[in-house]
Amino acid sequence: MKIIILGAGQVGGTLAEHLASEANDITVVDTDGERLRDLGDRLDIRTVQGRASFPTVLRQAGADDADMLVAVTNSDETNMVACQVAHTLFHTPTKIARVREAAYLTRAGLFDNDAIPVDVLISPEQVVTNYIKRLIEHPGALQVIDFAEGKAQLVAVKAYYGGPLVGQQLRQLREHMPNVDTRVAAIFRRDRPIMPKGDTVIEADDEVFFIAAKAHIRAVMSEMRRLEESYKRIVIAGGGQIGERLAEAIESRYQVKIIEMNPARCRYLSDTLDSTVVLQGSASDRDLLLEENIADADIFLALTNDDEANIMSSLLAKRLGAKKVMTIINNPAYVDLIQGGDIDIAISPQLATIGTLLTHVRRGDIVSVHSLRRGAAEAIEAIAHGDAKSSKVIGRAIENIGLPPGTTIGAIIRDEEVLIAHDDTVIEAGDHVILFLVDKKHIRDVEKLFHVGLSFF
C-alpha cells in the first residue's frame, strides 16, 4: 500500500514505524529536516521536506498514485487543506485528517466530498478521553478495549499474589467460574509474550489479557487480583481539552476537581462544567494538594501537555496519599521507565491514536485495531465475509483455521451474542471476529484470512 504521512511528530513518526515494518511504501512529509533525517535513518521510508498542503510538495511525495493520505501535522487547517488538494488534484482514494478543534468537529456537513473531502476524522483528545474513561470505569485494569460497540471487552490486568487463579492452571478458570465464559488471549511475563494453553500457570506480576462479555469483566478480574472498589473522588491536573472533556464525561457520576494554572481557563471551565470544582494553581504545589485532601482522592490524573510536570505532580500526589495515579506521557521513552512504580498507569496519546489510524490501513473488512503493550501487540476486530467456498474462515472450526504464529481468536460477536472462542467454535458469515496478535510481523497473514477480493476497506 502506498501511503503518504503528513507530519513527522509523535503520531506521524509512530505511525510510520508501525507501517514501515509491514512492507508498505511510506513517504513522510514535514517542514522539519532534522526530524525527517532522524526518521529516515531509523526506518525504510522516503522523506520529503516542505509544506504539507502545497501541491508541488504532495506531487513530490508521490500523491499521483498514492492509496492513502494521512494528515497529522500540528495544524488543523494544514491537514484539511492537504486533504482538499489531494482530492481535487490527485484523486487520492482515502484521506485521513487529524482535527483537534471542536469548532470544526461540531459542524454538520463540513467534512464530505462536497465540502472538505476528509474520509476519516481523527480527534486524539477524544480518543484519549474515551481511553481514560474506560480505565476509571474498571478499577485495577491497565487497559480496557471495547469491541462491537461495547458488547465484548478486552482487559489487561496485573496478576497479584493472593488472586484465586495465581499459581494455578488456566483450565481451572472454568471450575472457579462455571457460569462465566472467558478466554485469556495472551500473557506477558517479564515483557515476553506467552501463548496461553490449558496447562499455563499464571504467576504473580503477569500481565494478563482476557476477553469476555462486558457484564462478566469484573468477575474475571477478581480471579487475577483483589477487586478494587469503584472510584468516587477524582482529581485532574490540567484543564486543557482532555481534562475538560473527561470532567464533562464523568462529573455526573464522580466527585471531580480540576487543578489549572491559567486564570482565564479556570473561569471558562467554571462556566462550562456543571458540578466539577475548578481550582486555580499548580498541581505540583504541595500545600494546595494537602489543602484539597489529596489523601482522600481515589485517583489522580495528570493530563497537561508537559511530561515532566505530569510526572512530578503524579509522584507528589502519590507520596501525599492519592490511592492511584495515571499520567499522560507524550515521550514514548518515558513510558516504560515510569509505569508500575509510583505511577500506576502511563498513558501514551500517540499509541492510543495509532489504533484508530491503523483501522483504516488494514486490508480486509477491519472494524477496529488497537495497539497493545505500547505497540508490541495488536487486537483486531474483523468481519468474516463470503461463504465456505470463498472464505478461509467461514464454515471452519477455529482449530482448523491456519492462524499465523502468535495469533489467537478470543471471541466472536454474532448479532447481539458474545461467543467466547473455543477450538470447536465454527465461524459464520457476518461474524465479528476478535483476534489478538503478539507478533505483528504476521499481520499481513491475518489480513489475508479476512481479505475480500482486491479492494481496500
Protein backbone atom coordinates (compact mmCIF):
# COMPACT_ATOMS: atom_id res chain seq x y z
CA MET A 1 0.00 0.00 0.00
CA LYS A 2 1.37 3.44 -0.91
CA ILE A 3 0.78 5.84 1.99
CA ILE A 4 1.78 9.49 2.44
CA ILE A 5 2.03 10.69 6.05
CA LEU A 6 1.96 14.46 6.56
CA GLY A 7 3.68 15.40 9.81
CA ALA A 8 6.71 13.74 11.41
CA GLY A 9 5.69 14.48 15.00
CA GLN A 10 4.80 11.93 17.68
CA VAL A 11 1.75 10.48 15.90
CA GLY A 12 3.18 10.66 12.37
CA GLY A 13 6.51 9.17 13.43
CA THR A 14 4.89 6.36 15.44
CA LEU A 15 2.53 5.53 12.56
CA ALA A 16 5.48 5.44 10.11
CA GLU A 17 7.27 2.98 12.44
CA HIS A 18 4.24 0.70 12.58
CA LEU A 19 3.62 0.70 8.84
CA ALA A 20 7.21 0.61 7.57
CA SER A 21 7.74 -2.75 9.27
CA GLU A 22 4.78 -4.20 7.35
CA ALA A 23 6.09 -3.81 3.77
CA ASN A 24 4.17 -0.62 2.93
CA ASP A 25 5.55 2.11 0.67
CA ILE A 26 5.72 5.05 3.12
CA THR A 27 6.59 8.71 2.46
CA VAL A 28 6.69 11.22 5.32
CA VAL A 29 6.38 14.98 4.70
CA ASP A 30 7.40 17.66 7.20
CA THR A 31 9.00 21.11 7.30
CA ASP A 32 11.50 19.97 9.94
CA GLY A 33 14.51 18.48 8.14
CA GLU A 34 16.11 17.22 11.35
CA ARG A 35 13.04 15.15 12.29
CA LEU A 36 12.91 13.70 8.78
CA ARG A 37 16.59 12.74 8.87
CA ASP A 38 16.07 11.01 12.20
CA LEU A 39 13.11 9.01 10.82
CA GLY A 40 14.92 8.25 7.55
CA ASP A 41 17.96 6.90 9.41
CA ARG A 42 15.82 4.54 11.51
CA LEU A 43 13.18 3.40 9.02
CA ASP A 44 13.00 2.19 5.42
CA ILE A 45 10.89 5.14 4.20
CA ARG A 46 11.08 8.15 1.85
CA THR A 47 11.04 11.67 3.28
CA VAL A 48 10.14 14.99 1.66
CA GLN A 49 10.83 18.36 3.29
CA GLY A 50 8.22 21.05 2.62
CA ARG A 51 4.78 22.44 3.43
CA ALA A 52 2.36 19.53 3.59
CA SER A 53 -0.53 21.34 1.86
CA PHE A 54 1.44 22.55 -1.19
CA PRO A 55 0.51 20.73 -4.44
CA THR A 56 4.16 20.62 -5.55
CA VAL A 57 5.22 19.00 -2.26
CA LEU A 58 2.40 16.44 -2.43
CA ARG A 59 3.33 15.57 -6.03
CA GLN A 60 6.97 15.16 -4.97
CA ALA A 61 5.77 12.81 -2.20
CA GLY A 62 4.01 10.63 -4.80
CA ALA A 63 0.41 11.81 -4.49
CA ASP A 64 -0.26 10.96 -8.16
CA ASP A 65 -0.62 7.26 -7.32
CA ALA A 66 -0.94 7.16 -3.52
CA ASP A 67 -3.59 4.88 -1.98
CA MET A 68 -3.91 6.93 1.19
CA LEU A 69 -3.05 10.32 2.67
CA VAL A 70 -2.76 10.63 6.45
CA ALA A 71 -2.60 14.30 7.53
CA VAL A 72 -1.41 14.51 11.15
CA THR A 73 0.51 17.82 11.27
CA ASN A 74 0.01 20.09 14.29
CA SER A 75 -2.23 22.41 12.24
CA ASP A 76 -5.91 21.51 11.70
CA GLU A 77 -6.04 23.93 8.78
CA THR A 78 -2.98 22.41 7.05
CA ASN A 79 -4.47 18.93 7.45
CA MET A 80 -7.80 19.98 5.97
CA VAL A 81 -6.28 21.87 3.03
CA ALA A 82 -3.94 18.97 2.26
CA CYS A 83 -6.95 16.62 2.02
CA GLN A 84 -8.69 19.10 -0.28
CA VAL A 85 -5.64 19.34 -2.57
CA ALA A 86 -5.18 15.55 -2.59
CA HIS A 87 -8.86 15.09 -3.53
CA THR A 88 -9.05 17.80 -6.20
CA LEU A 89 -5.69 17.40 -7.94
CA PHE A 90 -4.67 13.79 -7.28
CA HIS A 91 -7.97 11.94 -6.62
CA THR A 92 -6.43 10.18 -3.62
CA PRO A 93 -8.87 7.38 -2.64
CA THR A 94 -8.61 7.65 1.17
CA LYS A 95 -7.88 10.82 3.12
CA ILE A 96 -7.48 10.82 6.91
CA ALA A 97 -7.05 14.06 8.88
CA ARG A 98 -6.32 14.84 12.50
CA VAL A 99 -8.62 17.69 13.58
CA ARG A 100 -8.43 18.88 17.18
CA GLU A 101 -10.56 21.99 17.31
CA ALA A 102 -14.12 21.33 18.49
CA ALA A 103 -15.34 24.33 16.46
CA TYR A 104 -14.68 22.29 13.29
CA LEU A 105 -15.81 18.92 14.63
CA THR A 106 -19.26 20.10 15.71
CA ARG A 107 -20.27 21.50 12.29
CA ALA A 108 -22.50 19.02 10.47
CA GLY A 109 -21.80 18.55 6.76
CA LEU A 110 -18.39 20.23 6.87
CA PHE A 111 -16.43 17.07 6.10
CA ASP A 112 -17.72 15.41 2.94
CA ASN A 113 -16.75 15.41 -0.73
CA ASP A 114 -18.96 18.44 -1.47
CA ALA A 115 -17.23 20.49 1.24
CA ILE A 116 -13.90 19.48 2.81
CA PRO A 117 -13.20 15.96 1.47
CA VAL A 118 -11.96 14.11 4.57
CA ASP A 119 -12.93 10.42 4.68
CA VAL A 120 -11.86 9.79 8.28
CA LEU A 121 -11.56 12.35 11.07
CA ILE A 122 -9.21 11.63 13.98
CA SER A 123 -9.58 13.58 17.21
CA PRO A 124 -6.73 12.50 19.53
CA GLU A 125 -8.21 14.32 22.51
CA GLN A 126 -11.48 12.41 22.22
CA VAL A 127 -9.69 9.08 21.71
CA VAL A 128 -7.58 9.64 24.85
CA THR A 129 -10.61 10.85 26.84
CA ASN A 130 -12.53 7.66 26.00
CA TYR A 131 -9.43 5.57 26.86
CA ILE A 132 -9.12 7.16 30.33
CA LYS A 133 -12.88 6.98 30.95
CA ARG A 134 -12.82 3.18 30.43
CA LEU A 135 -9.92 2.85 32.89
CA ILE A 136 -11.87 4.83 35.50
CA GLU A 137 -14.89 2.57 34.98
CA HIS A 138 -12.75 -0.57 35.55
CA PRO A 139 -10.64 -0.01 38.70
CA GLY A 140 -7.50 -2.13 38.62
CA ALA A 141 -7.33 -2.53 34.82
CA LEU A 142 -4.20 -1.50 32.88
CA GLN A 143 -6.05 -1.26 29.57
CA VAL A 144 -9.70 -1.66 28.54
CA ILE A 145 -10.80 -2.04 24.91
CA ASP A 146 -14.35 -2.15 23.58
CA PHE A 147 -15.40 -4.40 20.70
CA ALA A 148 -18.70 -4.49 18.80
CA GLU A 149 -19.85 -1.23 20.40
CA GLY A 150 -19.00 -2.42 23.92
CA LYS A 151 -20.68 -5.85 23.82
CA ALA A 152 -17.31 -7.51 24.49
CA GLN A 153 -14.22 -6.08 26.17
CA LEU A 154 -10.53 -6.97 26.21
CA VAL A 155 -8.98 -6.12 29.58
CA ALA A 156 -5.37 -6.19 30.75
CA VAL A 157 -4.70 -6.73 34.47
CA LYS A 158 -1.60 -7.43 36.52
CA ALA A 159 -1.94 -10.69 38.47
CA TYR A 160 -1.25 -10.20 42.19
CA TYR A 161 -0.19 -12.53 44.98
CA GLY A 162 -3.35 -13.84 46.59
CA GLY A 163 -5.51 -13.81 43.43
CA PRO A 164 -7.62 -17.03 43.32
CA LEU A 165 -6.12 -18.14 39.97
CA VAL A 166 -2.50 -17.08 40.62
CA GLY A 167 -0.31 -20.20 40.83
CA GLN A 168 -2.95 -22.32 39.12
CA GLN A 169 -3.50 -23.57 35.56
CA LEU A 170 -5.72 -21.62 33.19
CA ARG A 171 -8.06 -24.58 32.68
CA GLN A 172 -9.16 -24.08 36.30
CA LEU A 173 -10.71 -20.74 35.37
CA ARG A 174 -13.84 -22.59 34.21
CA GLU A 175 -14.01 -24.50 37.52
CA HIS A 176 -13.74 -21.26 39.50
CA MET A 177 -16.44 -19.55 37.40
CA PRO A 178 -18.73 -22.18 35.86
CA ASN A 179 -21.29 -19.55 34.79
CA VAL A 180 -18.83 -17.13 33.17
CA ASP A 181 -17.27 -17.74 29.76
CA THR A 182 -13.94 -16.01 29.16
CA ARG A 183 -10.68 -16.56 27.32
CA VAL A 184 -7.16 -15.46 28.17
CA ALA A 185 -5.83 -14.08 24.88
CA ALA A 186 -2.21 -13.55 25.94
CA ILE A 187 0.10 -13.33 28.92
CA PHE A 188 3.17 -11.11 29.16
CA ARG A 189 5.72 -12.26 31.72
CA ARG A 190 8.74 -10.02 32.28
CA ASP A 191 7.85 -8.30 28.97
CA ARG A 192 7.91 -11.57 26.99
CA PRO A 193 4.69 -12.94 25.42
CA ILE A 194 3.41 -16.38 26.41
CA MET A 195 0.73 -18.06 24.29
CA PRO A 196 -1.82 -19.33 26.82
CA LYS A 197 -2.73 -23.03 26.92
CA GLY A 198 -4.84 -25.00 29.37
CA ASP A 199 -1.80 -26.01 31.43
CA THR A 200 -0.27 -22.49 31.52
CA VAL A 201 0.21 -21.39 35.14
CA ILE A 202 -0.45 -17.73 35.96
CA GLU A 203 2.28 -16.17 38.07
CA ALA A 204 2.18 -13.06 40.23
CA ASP A 205 3.10 -9.91 38.23
CA ASP A 206 2.00 -11.48 34.92
CA GLU A 207 0.19 -9.04 32.65
CA VAL A 208 -2.91 -10.99 31.60
CA PHE A 209 -5.11 -10.02 28.64
CA PHE A 210 -8.55 -11.63 28.72
CA ILE A 211 -11.74 -11.17 26.74
CA ALA A 212 -15.32 -11.56 27.99
CA ALA A 213 -18.79 -10.12 27.62
CA LYS A 214 -18.92 -6.69 29.27
CA ALA A 215 -21.16 -7.94 32.10
CA HIS A 216 -18.56 -10.57 33.14
CA ILE A 217 -15.42 -8.39 33.22
CA ARG A 218 -15.37 -7.69 36.99
CA ALA A 219 -15.92 -11.36 37.82
CA VAL A 220 -12.91 -12.40 35.73
CA MET A 221 -10.75 -9.58 37.15
CA SER A 222 -11.49 -10.88 40.66
CA GLU A 223 -9.76 -14.17 39.74
CA MET A 224 -6.47 -12.38 39.00
CA ARG A 225 -6.35 -9.80 41.78
CA ARG A 226 -8.21 -8.33 44.72
CA LEU A 227 -11.03 -6.24 43.26
CA GLU A 228 -10.73 -2.53 43.89
CA GLU A 229 -13.74 -0.51 44.99
CA SER A 230 -15.28 1.83 42.44
CA TYR A 231 -13.65 5.25 42.33
CA LYS A 232 -15.55 8.19 43.84
CA ARG A 233 -13.16 11.14 44.25
CA ILE A 234 -11.10 12.14 41.19
CA VAL A 235 -8.53 14.95 40.88
CA ILE A 236 -7.49 16.11 37.38
CA ALA A 237 -4.29 18.10 36.90
CA GLY A 238 -4.65 20.17 33.73
CA GLY A 239 -7.80 21.80 32.38
CA GLY A 240 -6.91 21.57 28.70
CA GLN A 241 -9.04 19.83 26.09
CA ILE A 242 -8.58 16.33 27.53
CA GLY A 243 -9.12 17.48 31.12
CA GLU A 244 -12.26 19.40 30.16
CA ARG A 245 -13.73 16.58 28.05
CA LEU A 246 -13.03 13.98 30.73
CA ALA A 247 -14.57 16.09 33.51
CA GLU A 248 -17.63 16.71 31.35
CA ALA A 249 -18.00 12.96 30.67
CA ILE A 250 -17.69 11.78 34.29
CA GLU A 251 -18.81 14.63 36.58
CA SER A 252 -22.38 13.29 36.87
CA ARG A 253 -21.11 10.04 38.48
CA TYR A 254 -17.96 11.08 40.37
CA GLN A 255 -16.74 13.93 42.58
CA VAL A 256 -14.33 15.74 40.25
CA LYS A 257 -11.80 18.51 40.88
CA ILE A 258 -9.63 20.16 38.20
CA ILE A 259 -6.39 21.99 39.03
CA GLU A 260 -5.48 24.52 36.31
CA MET A 261 -2.79 27.23 36.27
CA ASN A 262 -4.34 29.68 33.78
CA PRO A 263 -6.89 32.01 35.47
CA ALA A 264 -8.79 32.68 32.22
CA ARG A 265 -9.05 28.95 31.52
CA CYS A 266 -10.29 28.41 35.10
CA ARG A 267 -13.09 30.92 34.55
CA TYR A 268 -14.05 29.20 31.29
CA LEU A 269 -14.10 25.76 32.95
CA SER A 270 -16.20 27.07 35.86
CA ASP A 271 -18.77 28.45 33.40
CA THR A 272 -18.77 25.33 31.19
CA LEU A 273 -18.79 22.44 33.65
CA ASP A 274 -21.75 21.65 35.90
CA SER A 275 -20.56 20.12 39.17
CA THR A 276 -16.74 19.95 38.77
CA VAL A 277 -14.77 22.02 41.29
CA VAL A 278 -12.17 24.17 39.49
CA LEU A 279 -9.04 25.19 41.43
CA GLN A 280 -6.55 27.75 40.16
CA GLY A 281 -2.97 26.79 40.94
CA SER A 282 -0.15 24.34 40.29
CA ALA A 283 -0.68 20.59 40.62
CA SER A 284 2.89 20.45 41.97
CA ASP A 285 2.00 22.78 44.85
CA ARG A 286 2.28 20.58 47.95
CA ASP A 287 0.24 22.94 50.11
CA LEU A 288 -2.58 23.09 47.57
CA LEU A 289 -2.74 19.29 47.32
CA LEU A 290 -2.79 18.93 51.12
CA GLU A 291 -5.42 21.66 51.41
CA GLU A 292 -7.63 19.78 48.92
CA ASN A 293 -7.22 16.50 50.86
CA ILE A 294 -5.30 14.64 48.16
CA ALA A 295 -5.01 11.65 50.54
CA ASP A 296 -8.78 11.14 50.10
CA ALA A 297 -8.51 11.03 46.28
CA ASP A 298 -9.20 7.63 44.72
CA ILE A 299 -7.39 8.64 41.55
CA PHE A 300 -5.09 11.49 40.47
CA LEU A 301 -4.89 12.14 36.70
CA ALA A 302 -2.04 14.28 35.31
CA LEU A 303 -3.28 15.44 31.88
CA THR A 304 -1.20 18.50 30.96
CA ASN A 305 0.95 18.75 27.80
CA ASP A 306 4.17 18.80 29.86
CA ASP A 307 5.61 15.32 30.55
CA GLU A 308 7.93 16.50 33.31
CA ALA A 309 5.14 18.44 35.07
CA ASN A 310 2.85 15.40 34.80
CA ILE A 311 5.48 13.05 36.26
CA MET A 312 6.44 15.35 39.13
CA SER A 313 2.85 16.19 40.14
CA SER A 314 1.94 12.48 39.97
CA LEU A 315 4.86 11.45 42.17
CA LEU A 316 3.97 14.17 44.67
CA ALA A 317 0.27 13.20 44.71
CA LYS A 318 1.16 9.54 45.29
CA ARG A 319 3.60 10.47 48.07
CA LEU A 320 0.86 12.54 49.73
CA GLY A 321 -1.58 9.64 49.73
CA ALA A 322 -3.51 9.51 46.41
CA LYS A 323 -4.57 5.87 46.04
CA LYS A 324 -3.92 5.58 42.30
CA VAL A 325 -2.12 7.78 39.77
CA MET A 326 -2.48 7.90 35.98
CA THR A 327 -0.26 10.13 33.86
CA ILE A 328 -0.21 11.21 30.22
CA ILE A 329 3.28 10.78 28.76
CA ASN A 330 4.00 12.10 25.25
CA ASN A 331 7.61 10.88 25.10
CA PRO A 332 7.45 7.09 24.45
CA ALA A 333 10.92 6.63 26.01
CA TYR A 334 9.49 7.65 29.40
CA VAL A 335 6.54 5.23 29.43
CA ASP A 336 8.44 2.04 30.25
CA LEU A 337 10.61 3.89 32.77
CA ILE A 338 7.79 5.05 34.99
CA GLN A 339 4.80 2.70 34.66
CA GLY A 340 4.28 0.27 37.51
CA GLY A 341 6.28 2.19 40.13
CA ASP A 342 4.73 5.12 41.97
CA ILE A 343 2.86 5.90 38.74
CA ASP A 344 0.29 3.15 38.23
CA ILE A 345 -0.59 3.74 34.59
CA ALA A 346 1.29 5.78 31.95
CA ILE A 347 -0.92 6.77 29.01
CA SER A 348 0.65 7.40 25.58
CA PRO A 349 -1.70 9.61 23.49
CA GLN A 350 0.00 8.71 20.22
CA LEU A 351 -0.33 4.95 20.82
CA ALA A 352 -3.99 5.39 21.76
CA THR A 353 -4.48 7.32 18.49
CA ILE A 354 -2.47 4.90 16.33
CA GLY A 355 -5.09 2.17 16.65
CA THR A 356 -7.73 4.45 15.11
CA LEU A 357 -5.42 5.15 12.18
CA LEU A 358 -4.43 1.50 11.70
CA THR A 359 -8.10 0.53 11.43
CA HIS A 360 -8.24 2.31 8.07
CA VAL A 361 -4.90 1.00 6.80
CA ARG A 362 -5.52 -2.70 7.35
CA ARG A 363 -6.67 -4.77 4.37
CA GLY A 364 -9.89 -6.77 4.63
CA ASP A 365 -13.03 -5.66 6.46
CA ILE A 366 -11.37 -4.50 9.67
CA VAL A 367 -13.73 -2.74 12.09
CA SER A 368 -11.16 -1.71 14.69
CA VAL A 369 -7.47 -2.06 15.52
CA HIS A 370 -5.99 -1.46 18.98
CA SER A 371 -2.33 -1.11 19.80
CA LEU A 372 -1.40 -3.02 22.97
CA ARG A 373 1.61 -3.02 25.26
CA ARG A 374 2.96 0.19 23.75
CA GLY A 375 2.79 -1.12 20.19
CA ALA A 376 4.24 -4.59 20.79
CA ALA A 377 0.92 -6.37 20.11
CA GLU A 378 -2.40 -5.70 18.41
CA ALA A 379 -6.05 -6.60 18.94
CA ILE A 380 -8.18 -6.63 15.79
CA GLU A 381 -11.91 -6.86 15.14
CA ALA A 382 -12.57 -8.26 11.65
CA ILE A 383 -15.78 -9.23 9.87
CA ALA A 384 -15.98 -12.59 8.10
CA HIS A 385 -17.49 -12.29 4.59
CA GLY A 386 -18.34 -14.78 1.86
CA ASP A 387 -19.16 -18.46 2.24
CA ALA A 388 -17.38 -21.77 2.91
CA LYS A 389 -16.00 -21.82 -0.66
CA SER A 390 -14.77 -18.24 -0.97
CA SER A 391 -13.57 -17.65 2.63
CA LYS A 392 -10.64 -19.12 4.52
CA VAL A 393 -12.53 -18.90 7.84
CA ILE A 394 -16.29 -19.29 7.26
CA GLY A 395 -17.67 -22.75 7.97
CA ARG A 396 -14.47 -23.80 9.73
CA ALA A 397 -13.92 -24.61 13.38
CA ILE A 398 -11.24 -22.42 14.98
CA GLU A 399 -8.93 -25.42 15.46
CA ASN A 400 -8.98 -25.95 11.66
CA ILE A 401 -8.13 -22.36 10.71
CA GLY A 402 -4.47 -21.85 9.82
CA LEU A 403 -3.79 -18.98 12.20
CA PRO A 404 -0.31 -17.40 11.92
CA PRO A 405 2.16 -17.95 14.80
CA GLY A 406 1.41 -15.84 17.88
CA THR A 407 -2.24 -15.28 16.87
CA THR A 408 -5.32 -16.30 18.85
CA ILE A 409 -9.04 -15.81 18.27
CA GLY A 410 -10.52 -14.58 21.54
CA ALA A 411 -14.21 -14.12 20.81
CA ILE A 412 -16.89 -13.93 18.14
CA ILE A 413 -19.77 -11.47 18.22
CA ARG A 414 -22.77 -12.88 16.33
CA ASP A 415 -25.65 -10.40 16.16
CA GLU A 416 -26.15 -9.46 19.84
CA GLU A 417 -24.46 -12.56 21.28
CA VAL A 418 -20.86 -12.73 22.54
CA LEU A 419 -19.36 -16.19 21.91
CA ILE A 420 -16.05 -16.85 23.65
CA ALA A 421 -13.85 -18.75 21.19
CA HIS A 422 -13.20 -22.46 21.76
CA ASP A 423 -11.49 -24.94 19.43
CA ASP A 424 -14.81 -26.31 18.11
CA THR A 425 -16.43 -22.88 17.56
CA VAL A 426 -17.43 -22.53 13.89
CA ILE A 427 -17.24 -19.09 12.23
CA GLU A 428 -20.28 -17.95 10.22
CA ALA A 429 -20.73 -15.22 7.60
CA GLY A 430 -21.17 -11.79 9.23
CA ASP A 431 -19.41 -12.77 12.47
CA HIS A 432 -17.24 -10.11 14.13
CA VAL A 433 -14.04 -12.00 15.00
CA ILE A 434 -11.73 -10.64 17.74
CA LEU A 435 -8.08 -11.61 17.17
CA PHE A 436 -5.02 -11.00 19.32
CA LEU A 437 -1.54 -10.81 17.75
CA VAL A 438 1.60 -10.86 19.86
CA ASP A 439 3.86 -10.91 16.76
CA LYS A 440 2.95 -8.08 14.40
CA LYS A 441 5.15 -9.32 11.56
CA HIS A 442 2.32 -11.77 10.76
CA ILE A 443 -0.29 -9.02 10.36
CA ARG A 444 -0.45 -9.50 6.57
CA ASP A 445 -1.20 -13.21 7.02
CA VAL A 446 -4.08 -12.35 9.35
CA GLU A 447 -5.44 -9.80 6.85
CA LYS A 448 -5.39 -12.43 4.09
CA LEU A 449 -7.65 -14.69 6.16
CA PHE A 450 -10.35 -12.00 6.03
CA HIS A 451 -9.46 -10.47 2.67
CA VAL A 452 -12.37 -9.88 0.30
CA GLY A 453 -11.30 -9.52 -3.32
CA LEU A 454 -8.75 -6.86 -4.17
CA SER A 455 -10.40 -3.83 -2.59
CA PHE A 456 -9.17 -1.95 0.45
CA PHE A 457 -11.57 -1.00 3.23
